[in-house]
C-alpha atoms as a PDB file:
ATOM      1  CA  MET A   1     -31.061   8.895 -35.502  1.00  0.00           C
ATOM      2  CA  ASN A   2     -31.752  10.188 -32.018  1.00  0.00           C
ATOM      3  CA  GLU A   3     -34.707  12.399 -31.200  1.00  0.00           C
ATOM      4  CA  ALA A   4     -32.588  15.556 -31.298  1.00  0.00           C
ATOM      5  CA  VAL A   5     -31.936  15.046 -35.028  1.00  0.00           C
ATOM      6  CA  GLU A   6     -34.457  16.253 -37.585  1.00  0.00           C
ATOM      7  CA  MET A   7     -34.452  15.652 -41.328  1.00  0.00           C
ATOM      8  CA  ILE A   8     -35.818  18.551 -43.360  1.00  0.00           C
ATOM      9  CA  ASP A   9     -36.134  19.572 -47.003  1.00  0.00           C
ATOM     10  CA  LEU A  10     -34.740  22.896 -48.195  1.00  0.00           C
ATOM     11  CA  GLU A  11     -35.925  24.363 -51.492  1.00  0.00           C
ATOM     12  CA  THR A  12     -33.055  25.731 -53.566  1.00  0.00           C
ATOM     13  CA  ARG A  13     -33.045  27.223 -57.038  1.00  0.00           C
ATOM     14  CA  ASP A  14     -32.294  23.729 -58.428  1.00  0.00           C
ATOM     15  CA  GLY A  15     -34.578  21.504 -56.397  1.00  0.00           C
ATOM     16  CA  THR A  16     -35.094  19.982 -52.975  1.00  0.00           C
ATOM     17  CA  CYS A  17     -32.035  19.543 -50.784  1.00  0.00           C
ATOM     18  CA  PRO A  18     -32.379  17.093 -47.872  1.00  0.00           C
ATOM     19  CA  ALA A  19     -30.674  18.342 -44.737  1.00  0.00           C
ATOM     20  CA  TYR A  20     -30.206  17.267 -41.141  1.00  0.00           C
ATOM     21  CA  VAL A  21     -30.608  19.495 -38.104  1.00  0.00           C
ATOM     22  CA  PHE A  22     -28.839  18.529 -34.874  1.00  0.00           C
ATOM     23  CA  ARG A  23     -30.001  20.334 -31.725  1.00  0.00           C
ATOM     24  CA  PRO A  24     -28.428  20.402 -28.279  1.00  0.00           C
ATOM     25  CA  GLU A  25     -30.455  19.539 -25.198  1.00  0.00           C
ATOM     26  CA  GLY A  26     -32.610  22.376 -23.946  1.00  0.00           C
ATOM     27  CA  SER A  27     -34.711  25.000 -25.659  1.00  0.00           C
ATOM     28  CA  GLY A  28     -32.106  27.341 -27.133  1.00  0.00           C
ATOM     29  CA  PRO A  29     -31.701  29.547 -28.972  1.00  0.00           C
ATOM     30  CA  TRP A  30     -28.249  28.356 -29.945  1.00  0.00           C
ATOM     31  CA  PRO A  31     -25.511  29.604 -32.251  1.00  0.00           C
ATOM     32  CA  ALA A  32     -25.542  27.769 -35.569  1.00  0.00           C
ATOM     33  CA  VAL A  33     -22.948  25.822 -37.507  1.00  0.00           C
ATOM     34  CA  LEU A  34     -23.294  24.963 -41.192  1.00  0.00           C
ATOM     35  CA  VAL A  35     -21.577  21.608 -41.760  1.00  0.00           C
ATOM     36  CA  PHE A  36     -20.332  20.606 -45.202  1.00  0.00           C
ATOM     37  CA  MET A  37     -20.065  16.843 -45.679  1.00  0.00           C
ATOM     38  CA  ASP A  38     -17.050  15.122 -47.171  1.00  0.00           C
ATOM     39  CA  GLY A  39     -16.912  13.722 -50.692  1.00  0.00           C
ATOM     40  CA  ILE A  40     -18.387  10.360 -49.700  1.00  0.00           C
ATOM     41  CA  GLY A  41     -21.773  11.810 -48.891  1.00  0.00           C
ATOM     42  CA  ILE A  42     -24.249  11.537 -46.066  1.00  0.00           C
ATOM     43  CA  ARG A  43     -23.909   8.299 -44.086  1.00  0.00           C
ATOM     44  CA  PRO A  44     -23.792   7.257 -40.418  1.00  0.00           C
ATOM     45  CA  ALA A  45     -20.189   8.425 -39.880  1.00  0.00           C
ATOM     46  CA  MET A  46     -21.025  11.868 -41.278  1.00  0.00           C
ATOM     47  CA  LEU A  47     -24.220  12.135 -39.227  1.00  0.00           C
ATOM     48  CA  ALA A  48     -22.183  11.290 -36.130  1.00  0.00           C
ATOM     49  CA  VAL A  49     -20.229  14.505 -36.705  1.00  0.00           C
ATOM     50  CA  GLY A  50     -23.426  16.533 -36.507  1.00  0.00           C
ATOM     51  CA  GLU A  51     -24.550  14.707 -33.392  1.00  0.00           C
ATOM     52  CA  ARG A  52     -21.291  15.442 -31.617  1.00  0.00           C
ATOM     53  CA  LEU A  53     -21.368  19.077 -32.710  1.00  0.00           C
ATOM     54  CA  ALA A  54     -24.698  19.436 -30.944  1.00  0.00           C
ATOM     55  CA  THR A  55     -23.051  18.352 -27.689  1.00  0.00           C
ATOM     56  CA  LEU A  56     -20.855  21.458 -27.990  1.00  0.00           C
ATOM     57  CA  GLY A  57     -23.894  23.692 -27.528  1.00  0.00           C
ATOM     58  CA  VAL A  58     -24.517  24.630 -31.142  1.00  0.00           C
ATOM     59  CA  LEU A  59     -27.262  23.824 -33.610  1.00  0.00           C
ATOM     60  CA  ALA A  60     -25.751  22.104 -36.647  1.00  0.00           C
ATOM     61  CA  LEU A  61     -27.246  22.090 -40.138  1.00  0.00           C
ATOM     62  CA  MET A  62     -25.837  19.427 -42.483  1.00  0.00           C
ATOM     63  CA  PRO A  63     -27.194  19.639 -46.048  1.00  0.00           C
ATOM     64  CA  ASP A  64     -26.681  16.909 -48.622  1.00  0.00           C
ATOM     65  CA  VAL A  65     -24.853  18.807 -51.358  1.00  0.00           C
ATOM     66  CA  PHE A  66     -25.181  15.778 -53.677  1.00  0.00           C
ATOM     67  CA  TYR A  67     -28.965  16.261 -53.898  1.00  0.00           C
ATOM     68  CA  ARG A  68     -28.849  17.227 -57.580  1.00  0.00           C
ATOM     69  CA  SER A  69     -27.787  13.663 -58.375  1.00  0.00           C
ATOM     70  CA  GLY A  70     -30.881  12.132 -56.777  1.00  0.00           C
ATOM     71  CA  PRO A  71     -31.247   9.815 -53.778  1.00  0.00           C
ATOM     72  CA  TYR A  72     -28.396   7.396 -53.110  1.00  0.00           C
ATOM     73  CA  ALA A  73     -27.538   4.598 -50.736  1.00  0.00           C
ATOM     74  CA  PRO A  74     -24.818   5.277 -48.143  1.00  0.00           C
ATOM     75  CA  MET A  75     -21.411   4.849 -49.766  1.00  0.00           C
ATOM     76  CA  ASP A  76     -18.650   2.617 -48.426  1.00  0.00           C
ATOM     77  CA  ALA A  77     -15.818   4.941 -47.460  1.00  0.00           C
ATOM     78  CA  LYS A  78     -13.292   2.111 -47.564  1.00  0.00           C
ATOM     79  CA  THR A  79     -13.962   1.167 -51.191  1.00  0.00           C
ATOM     80  CA  VAL A  80     -15.467   4.144 -53.031  1.00  0.00           C
ATOM     81  CA  PHE A  81     -12.136   5.682 -54.014  1.00  0.00           C
ATOM     82  CA  ALA A  82     -10.237   2.405 -54.282  1.00  0.00           C
ATOM     83  CA  ASP A  83     -12.599   0.809 -56.793  1.00  0.00           C
ATOM     84  CA  PRO A  84     -12.261   2.416 -60.263  1.00  0.00           C
ATOM     85  CA  GLU A  85     -15.933   1.983 -61.148  1.00  0.00           C
ATOM     86  CA  GLN A  86     -17.189   3.406 -57.850  1.00  0.00           C
ATOM     87  CA  ARG A  87     -14.798   6.305 -58.209  1.00  0.00           C
ATOM     88  CA  ARG A  88     -15.989   6.977 -61.764  1.00  0.00           C
ATOM     89  CA  VAL A  89     -19.624   7.051 -60.656  1.00  0.00           C
ATOM     90  CA  LEU A  90     -18.779   9.305 -57.727  1.00  0.00           C
ATOM     91  CA  MET A  91     -16.977  11.801 -59.938  1.00  0.00           C
ATOM     92  CA  GLU A  92     -19.369  11.741 -62.898  1.00  0.00           C
ATOM     93  CA  LYS A  93     -22.695  11.476 -61.074  1.00  0.00           C
ATOM     94  CA  PHE A  94     -22.059  13.369 -57.857  1.00  0.00           C
ATOM     95  CA  PHE A  95     -19.026  15.670 -57.996  1.00  0.00           C
ATOM     96  CA  ALA A  96     -19.920  16.865 -61.492  1.00  0.00           C
ATOM     97  CA  LEU A  97     -23.122  18.466 -60.194  1.00  0.00           C
ATOM     98  CA  ALA A  98     -21.867  19.621 -56.791  1.00  0.00           C
ATOM     99  CA  THR A  99     -19.866  22.413 -58.387  1.00  0.00           C
ATOM    100  CA  THR A 100     -18.668  25.387 -56.402  1.00  0.00           C
ATOM    101  CA  PRO A 101     -21.113  27.837 -58.074  1.00  0.00           C
ATOM    102  CA  ASN A 102     -23.995  25.429 -57.478  1.00  0.00           C
ATOM    103  CA  VAL A 103     -23.201  24.866 -53.821  1.00  0.00           C
ATOM    104  CA  MET A 104     -22.460  28.535 -53.153  1.00  0.00           C
ATOM    105  CA  SER A 105     -25.898  29.318 -54.592  1.00  0.00           C
ATOM    106  CA  ASP A 106     -27.349  26.746 -52.177  1.00  0.00           C
ATOM    107  CA  VAL A 107     -25.582  28.381 -49.229  1.00  0.00           C
ATOM    108  CA  GLU A 108     -27.906  31.361 -49.562  1.00  0.00           C
ATOM    109  CA  THR A 109     -30.798  28.983 -48.854  1.00  0.00           C
ATOM    110  CA  PHE A 110     -28.955  27.319 -45.959  1.00  0.00           C
ATOM    111  CA  LEU A 111     -28.138  30.630 -44.300  1.00  0.00           C
ATOM    112  CA  ALA A 112     -31.675  31.930 -44.801  1.00  0.00           C
ATOM    113  CA  HIS A 113     -33.069  28.809 -43.170  1.00  0.00           C
ATOM    114  CA  LEU A 114     -30.819  29.235 -40.142  1.00  0.00           C
ATOM    115  CA  ALA A 115     -31.664  32.927 -39.872  1.00  0.00           C
ATOM    116  CA  GLY A 116     -35.368  32.098 -39.842  1.00  0.00           C
ATOM    117  CA  ARG A 117     -35.247  29.485 -37.098  1.00  0.00           C
ATOM    118  CA  ALA A 118     -36.528  30.488 -33.669  1.00  0.00           C
ATOM    119  CA  ASP A 119     -34.064  28.075 -32.034  1.00  0.00           C
ATOM    120  CA  VAL A 120     -31.040  29.756 -33.658  1.00  0.00           C
ATOM    121  CA  ARG A 121     -29.402  32.755 -32.021  1.00  0.00           C
ATOM    122  CA  PRO A 122     -29.446  35.843 -34.279  1.00  0.00           C
ATOM    123  CA  GLY A 123     -26.158  36.825 -35.846  1.00  0.00           C
ATOM    124  CA  LYS A 124     -23.363  35.180 -37.751  1.00  0.00           C
ATOM    125  CA  VAL A 125     -22.927  31.422 -38.069  1.00  0.00           C
ATOM    126  CA  ALA A 126     -19.903  29.157 -38.173  1.00  0.00           C
ATOM    127  CA  VAL A 127     -19.012  26.877 -41.073  1.00  0.00           C
ATOM    128  CA  THR A 128     -16.947  23.727 -40.991  1.00  0.00           C
ATOM    129  CA  GLY A 129     -16.276  20.970 -43.473  1.00  0.00           C
ATOM    130  CA  TYR A 130     -14.305  17.831 -44.251  1.00  0.00           C
ATOM    131  CA  CYS A 131     -12.430  16.935 -47.443  1.00  0.00           C
ATOM    132  CA  LEU A 132     -14.713  18.379 -50.146  1.00  0.00           C
ATOM    133  CA  GLY A 133     -16.527  20.116 -47.312  1.00  0.00           C
ATOM    134  CA  GLY A 134     -13.357  21.874 -46.180  1.00  0.00           C
ATOM    135  CA  PHE A 135     -12.986  23.307 -49.670  1.00  0.00           C
ATOM    136  CA  LEU A 136     -16.620  24.439 -49.609  1.00  0.00           C
ATOM    137  CA  ALA A 137     -16.321  25.938 -46.118  1.00  0.00           C
ATOM    138  CA  LEU A 138     -13.517  28.249 -47.226  1.00  0.00           C
ATOM    139  CA  ASN A 139     -15.386  29.213 -50.385  1.00  0.00           C
ATOM    140  CA  ALA A 140     -18.407  30.054 -48.236  1.00  0.00           C
ATOM    141  CA  ALA A 141     -16.204  32.159 -45.956  1.00  0.00           C
ATOM    142  CA  GLY A 142     -15.156  34.258 -48.934  1.00  0.00           C
ATOM    143  CA  THR A 143     -18.567  34.353 -50.600  1.00  0.00           C
ATOM    144  CA  TYR A 144     -20.697  35.133 -47.534  1.00  0.00           C
ATOM    145  CA  ALA A 145     -18.097  36.914 -45.424  1.00  0.00           C
ATOM    146  CA  ASP A 146     -20.531  39.215 -43.611  1.00  0.00           C
ATOM    147  CA  ARG A 147     -22.598  36.274 -42.354  1.00  0.00           C
ATOM    148  CA  ILE A 148     -19.909  33.892 -41.134  1.00  0.00           C
ATOM    149  CA  ALA A 149     -18.136  34.154 -37.782  1.00  0.00           C
ATOM    150  CA  VAL A 150     -15.528  31.432 -38.224  1.00  0.00           C
ATOM    151  CA  ALA A 151     -14.655  28.933 -40.947  1.00  0.00           C
ATOM    152  CA  ALA A 152     -12.823  25.643 -40.372  1.00  0.00           C
ATOM    153  CA  SER A 153     -11.501  23.183 -42.942  1.00  0.00           C
ATOM    154  CA  PHE A 154     -10.385  19.707 -41.877  1.00  0.00           C
ATOM    155  CA  HIS A 155      -8.399  17.640 -44.385  1.00  0.00           C
ATOM    156  CA  GLY A 156      -9.761  19.817 -47.164  1.00  0.00           C
ATOM    157  CA  GLY A 157      -8.124  19.525 -50.563  1.00  0.00           C
ATOM    158  CA  ARG A 158      -7.488  21.834 -53.538  1.00  0.00           C
ATOM    159  CA  LEU A 159      -7.433  24.887 -51.280  1.00  0.00           C
ATOM    160  CA  ALA A 160      -4.863  26.846 -53.294  1.00  0.00           C
ATOM    161  CA  THR A 161      -4.676  25.829 -56.943  1.00  0.00           C
ATOM    162  CA  ASP A 162      -4.782  27.552 -60.329  1.00  0.00           C
ATOM    163  CA  ALA A 163      -8.496  26.706 -60.659  1.00  0.00           C
ATOM    164  CA  PRO A 164     -10.874  29.676 -60.816  1.00  0.00           C
ATOM    165  CA  ASP A 165     -12.814  28.368 -57.791  1.00  0.00           C
ATOM    166  CA  SER A 166      -9.758  27.873 -55.597  1.00  0.00           C
ATOM    167  CA  PRO A 167     -10.639  29.231 -52.126  1.00  0.00           C
ATOM    168  CA  HIS A 168      -7.359  31.098 -51.739  1.00  0.00           C
ATOM    169  CA  ARG A 169      -8.525  33.479 -54.477  1.00  0.00           C
ATOM    170  CA  LEU A 170     -11.220  34.735 -52.076  1.00  0.00           C
ATOM    171  CA  ALA A 171      -8.804  35.618 -49.295  1.00  0.00           C
ATOM    172  CA  ALA A 172      -9.255  39.339 -49.879  1.00  0.00           C
ATOM    173  CA  THR A 173     -12.996  39.067 -49.205  1.00  0.00           C
ATOM    174  CA  MET A 174     -12.709  36.915 -46.067  1.00  0.00           C
ATOM    175  CA  ARG A 175     -13.513  38.887 -42.927  1.00  0.00           C
ATOM    176  CA  THR A 176     -13.698  35.990 -40.517  1.00  0.00           C
ATOM    177  CA  LYS A 177     -11.334  33.765 -38.588  1.00  0.00           C
ATOM    178  CA  VAL A 178     -10.122  30.875 -40.744  1.00  0.00           C
ATOM    179  CA  TYR A 179      -8.697  27.604 -39.480  1.00  0.00           C
ATOM    180  CA  VAL A 180      -7.229  24.971 -41.792  1.00  0.00           C
ATOM    181  CA  ALA A 181      -5.965  21.558 -40.693  1.00  0.00           C
ATOM    182  CA  GLY A 182      -4.152  19.575 -43.346  1.00  0.00           C
ATOM    183  CA  ALA A 183      -2.612  16.121 -43.150  1.00  0.00           C
ATOM    184  CA  ILE A 184       1.008  15.096 -43.472  1.00  0.00           C
ATOM    185  CA  ASP A 185      -0.094  12.442 -45.988  1.00  0.00           C
ATOM    186  CA  ASP A 186      -2.420  14.215 -48.432  1.00  0.00           C
ATOM    187  CA  ALA A 187      -1.829  14.469 -52.168  1.00  0.00           C
ATOM    188  CA  SER A 188      -4.717  16.945 -52.464  1.00  0.00           C
ATOM    189  CA  PHE A 189      -3.064  19.431 -50.093  1.00  0.00           C
ATOM    190  CA  PRO A 190       0.745  19.116 -50.319  1.00  0.00           C
ATOM    191  CA  ASP A 191       3.207  21.399 -48.571  1.00  0.00           C
ATOM    192  CA  ALA A 192       3.569  23.742 -51.541  1.00  0.00           C
ATOM    193  CA  MET A 193      -0.190  24.294 -51.562  1.00  0.00           C
ATOM    194  CA  LYS A 194      -0.219  24.914 -47.821  1.00  0.00           C
ATOM    195  CA  ASP A 195       2.445  27.564 -48.336  1.00  0.00           C
ATOM    196  CA  ARG A 196       0.434  29.168 -51.131  1.00  0.00           C
ATOM    197  CA  LEU A 197      -2.714  29.268 -48.986  1.00  0.00           C
ATOM    198  CA  GLU A 198      -0.780  30.635 -46.016  1.00  0.00           C
ATOM    199  CA  ALA A 199       0.690  33.396 -48.188  1.00  0.00           C
ATOM    200  CA  ALA A 200      -2.700  34.366 -49.621  1.00  0.00           C
ATOM    201  CA  LEU A 201      -4.339  34.564 -46.198  1.00  0.00           C
ATOM    202  CA  THR A 202      -1.404  36.477 -44.724  1.00  0.00           C
ATOM    203  CA  ASP A 203      -1.274  38.958 -47.598  1.00  0.00           C
ATOM    204  CA  ALA A 204      -5.006  39.601 -47.171  1.00  0.00           C
ATOM    205  CA  ALA A 205      -4.588  40.090 -43.401  1.00  0.00           C
ATOM    206  CA  VAL A 206      -7.022  37.262 -42.656  1.00  0.00           C
ATOM    207  CA  ASP A 207      -7.032  36.093 -39.037  1.00  0.00           C
ATOM    208  CA  HIS A 208      -6.024  32.497 -39.663  1.00  0.00           C
ATOM    209  CA  ARG A 209      -4.094  29.409 -38.684  1.00  0.00           C
ATOM    210  CA  VAL A 210      -2.929  26.648 -41.025  1.00  0.00           C
ATOM    211  CA  GLU A 211      -1.713  23.477 -39.334  1.00  0.00           C
ATOM    212  CA  THR A 212      -0.568  20.032 -40.398  1.00  0.00           C
ATOM    213  CA  TYR A 213      -1.730  17.005 -38.430  1.00  0.00           C
ATOM    214  CA  PRO A 214       0.397  13.826 -38.287  1.00  0.00           C
ATOM    215  CA  ALA A 215      -2.336  11.883 -40.053  1.00  0.00           C
ATOM    216  CA  ARG A 216      -3.664  10.846 -43.467  1.00  0.00           C
ATOM    217  CA  HIS A 217      -6.289  12.574 -45.566  1.00  0.00           C
ATOM    218  CA  GLY A 218      -9.712  11.765 -44.101  1.00  0.00           C
ATOM    219  CA  TRP A 219      -8.678  11.193 -40.482  1.00  0.00           C
ATOM    220  CA  VAL A 220     -11.830  12.589 -38.808  1.00  0.00           C
ATOM    221  CA  LEU A 221     -14.520  10.288 -40.224  1.00  0.00           C
ATOM    222  CA  THR A 222     -14.664   6.983 -38.365  1.00  0.00           C
ATOM    223  CA  ASP A 223     -15.488   4.835 -41.407  1.00  0.00           C
ATOM    224  CA  THR A 224     -12.481   5.777 -43.539  1.00  0.00           C
ATOM    225  CA  MET A 225      -9.245   3.854 -43.898  1.00  0.00           C
ATOM    226  CA  ALA A 226      -7.454   6.997 -42.689  1.00  0.00           C
ATOM    227  CA  TYR A 227      -9.413   7.410 -39.444  1.00  0.00           C
ATOM    228  CA  ASP A 228      -7.074   8.381 -36.622  1.00  0.00           C
ATOM    229  CA  ALA A 229      -8.602   8.541 -33.152  1.00  0.00           C
ATOM    230  CA  ASP A 230      -5.960  10.865 -31.698  1.00  0.00           C
ATOM    231  CA  ALA A 231      -6.073  13.279 -34.629  1.00  0.00           C
ATOM    232  CA  ALA A 232      -9.878  13.186 -34.618  1.00  0.00           C
ATOM    233  CA  GLU A 233      -9.959  14.150 -30.938  1.00  0.00           C
ATOM    234  CA  ARG A 234      -7.500  16.955 -31.615  1.00  0.00           C
ATOM    235  CA  HIS A 235      -9.906  18.166 -34.291  1.00  0.00           C
ATOM    236  CA  TRP A 236     -12.794  18.145 -31.814  1.00  0.00           C
ATOM    237  CA  THR A 237     -10.783  20.024 -29.181  1.00  0.00           C
ATOM    238  CA  THR A 238      -9.751  22.619 -31.746  1.00  0.00           C
ATOM    239  CA  LEU A 239     -13.234  23.008 -33.200  1.00  0.00           C
ATOM    240  CA  ALA A 240     -14.760  23.429 -29.739  1.00  0.00           C
ATOM    241  CA  ALA A 241     -12.235  26.171 -28.966  1.00  0.00           C
ATOM    242  CA  LEU A 242     -13.003  27.951 -32.235  1.00  0.00           C
ATOM    243  CA  LEU A 243     -16.724  27.877 -31.470  1.00  0.00           C
ATOM    244  CA  ARG A 244     -16.186  29.189 -27.937  1.00  0.00           C
ATOM    245  CA  GLU A 245     -14.093  32.015 -29.329  1.00  0.00           C
ATOM    246  CA  ALA A 246     -16.769  32.864 -31.904  1.00  0.00           C
ATOM    247  CA  PHE A 247     -19.849  32.489 -29.735  1.00  0.00           C
ATOM    248  CA  GLY A 248     -18.712  32.634 -26.107  1.00  0.00           C
ATOM    249  CA  ASP A 249     -18.727  30.005 -23.392  1.00  0.00           C
ATOM    250  CA  ALA A 250     -22.481  30.070 -22.857  1.00  0.00           C
ATOM    251  CA  GLN A 251     -23.586  28.525 -26.132  1.00  0.00           C
ATOM    252  CA  GLY A 252     -26.796  26.984 -24.883  1.00  0.00           C
END
């Protein structure tokens, strides 16, 4: 990691959550972005997202929401879902404990940490996430609406289902701008689900945009089989614009 990246421990109600802080050059204070990792966990490709976010003039906090499962070696994004045994371990050891209620409880700690930092500008923060993280970002937008300026989900799945923790159920409590980018090829977010999410956000008068990228699920992270350089750059351009809109051009 470069010198602008700091690893910290955050004490939650359930234990110690490792987290990474990515700071821009300069002294700040900066606006803050809470970054939710994808379902493959913290690894170099995920940390690279935080590093690039810092170049946009924001301080990024990336917690490891799998901390309840204990320390783990970086997972191989190209095999973890393809290999039945790796997938079983991922679902039973990691996903089973990173439930929506658990992570939403953790978000209180994450937001409190950001609010207490001298290098973070006072006020609302942004949230963004990938895959699992996109799902969590929208849940956070509905759960902590008064503290979030903008929420972005990139190739998030299960965003409008019959499950009690489906983010679309929180549309009525969202008071922030919401951006959702789905993929053309994504079984976890098919067209019917996009339509259901769009309808829920529209009915609740949420300022939002739901788009479909010509890519596969997981296109942003460089170590996945679905990585798409063009779609990833489109994501960065869009995310930068969302942050400028939320925090202004002078983010440093």
